[in-house]
Amino acid sequence: MRQRSGPPAPAMGRRPEREYLDSLLGPPPLLEGEDATAYHKLKISIFSAVKPEDAIDEMWVRDILDLLWETTRLRRLKAKLMHVAAHEGLENILRPRVDWASLDHLVE
């Protein structure tokens, strides 16, 4: 991610550091019912694309990963909320324009 002087860090020594960072940063921010496998696949994909070179890079990548996961979660929840509340919005729009007898039928 950043320009460095000196030799690159050896690839084989990366795993213990990543395990330490994972334990330090805690478990994935998953809510009940969310797919841990999907989170893990996204993590692998992002880490493979960015190729963090040190602990700072890895913490930034983890932050980006978690923010992306949260953003995706919020988009799903927003869509579900809009779907669940659609009848209320429709009722508010139709109430002044339609008589009460047909309003319930239209909203359903």
Foldseek 3Di string as FASTA:
>chain_A
DDDDPDDADDPVPVVVVVVVVDVVVDDQPDDPPDDPVVLVVLLVVQCVVVVDRDDVSVVVSVVVSNVVVVVVVVVVVVVVVCVVCVLVVQLVVCVVPDDPVCSVVVSD
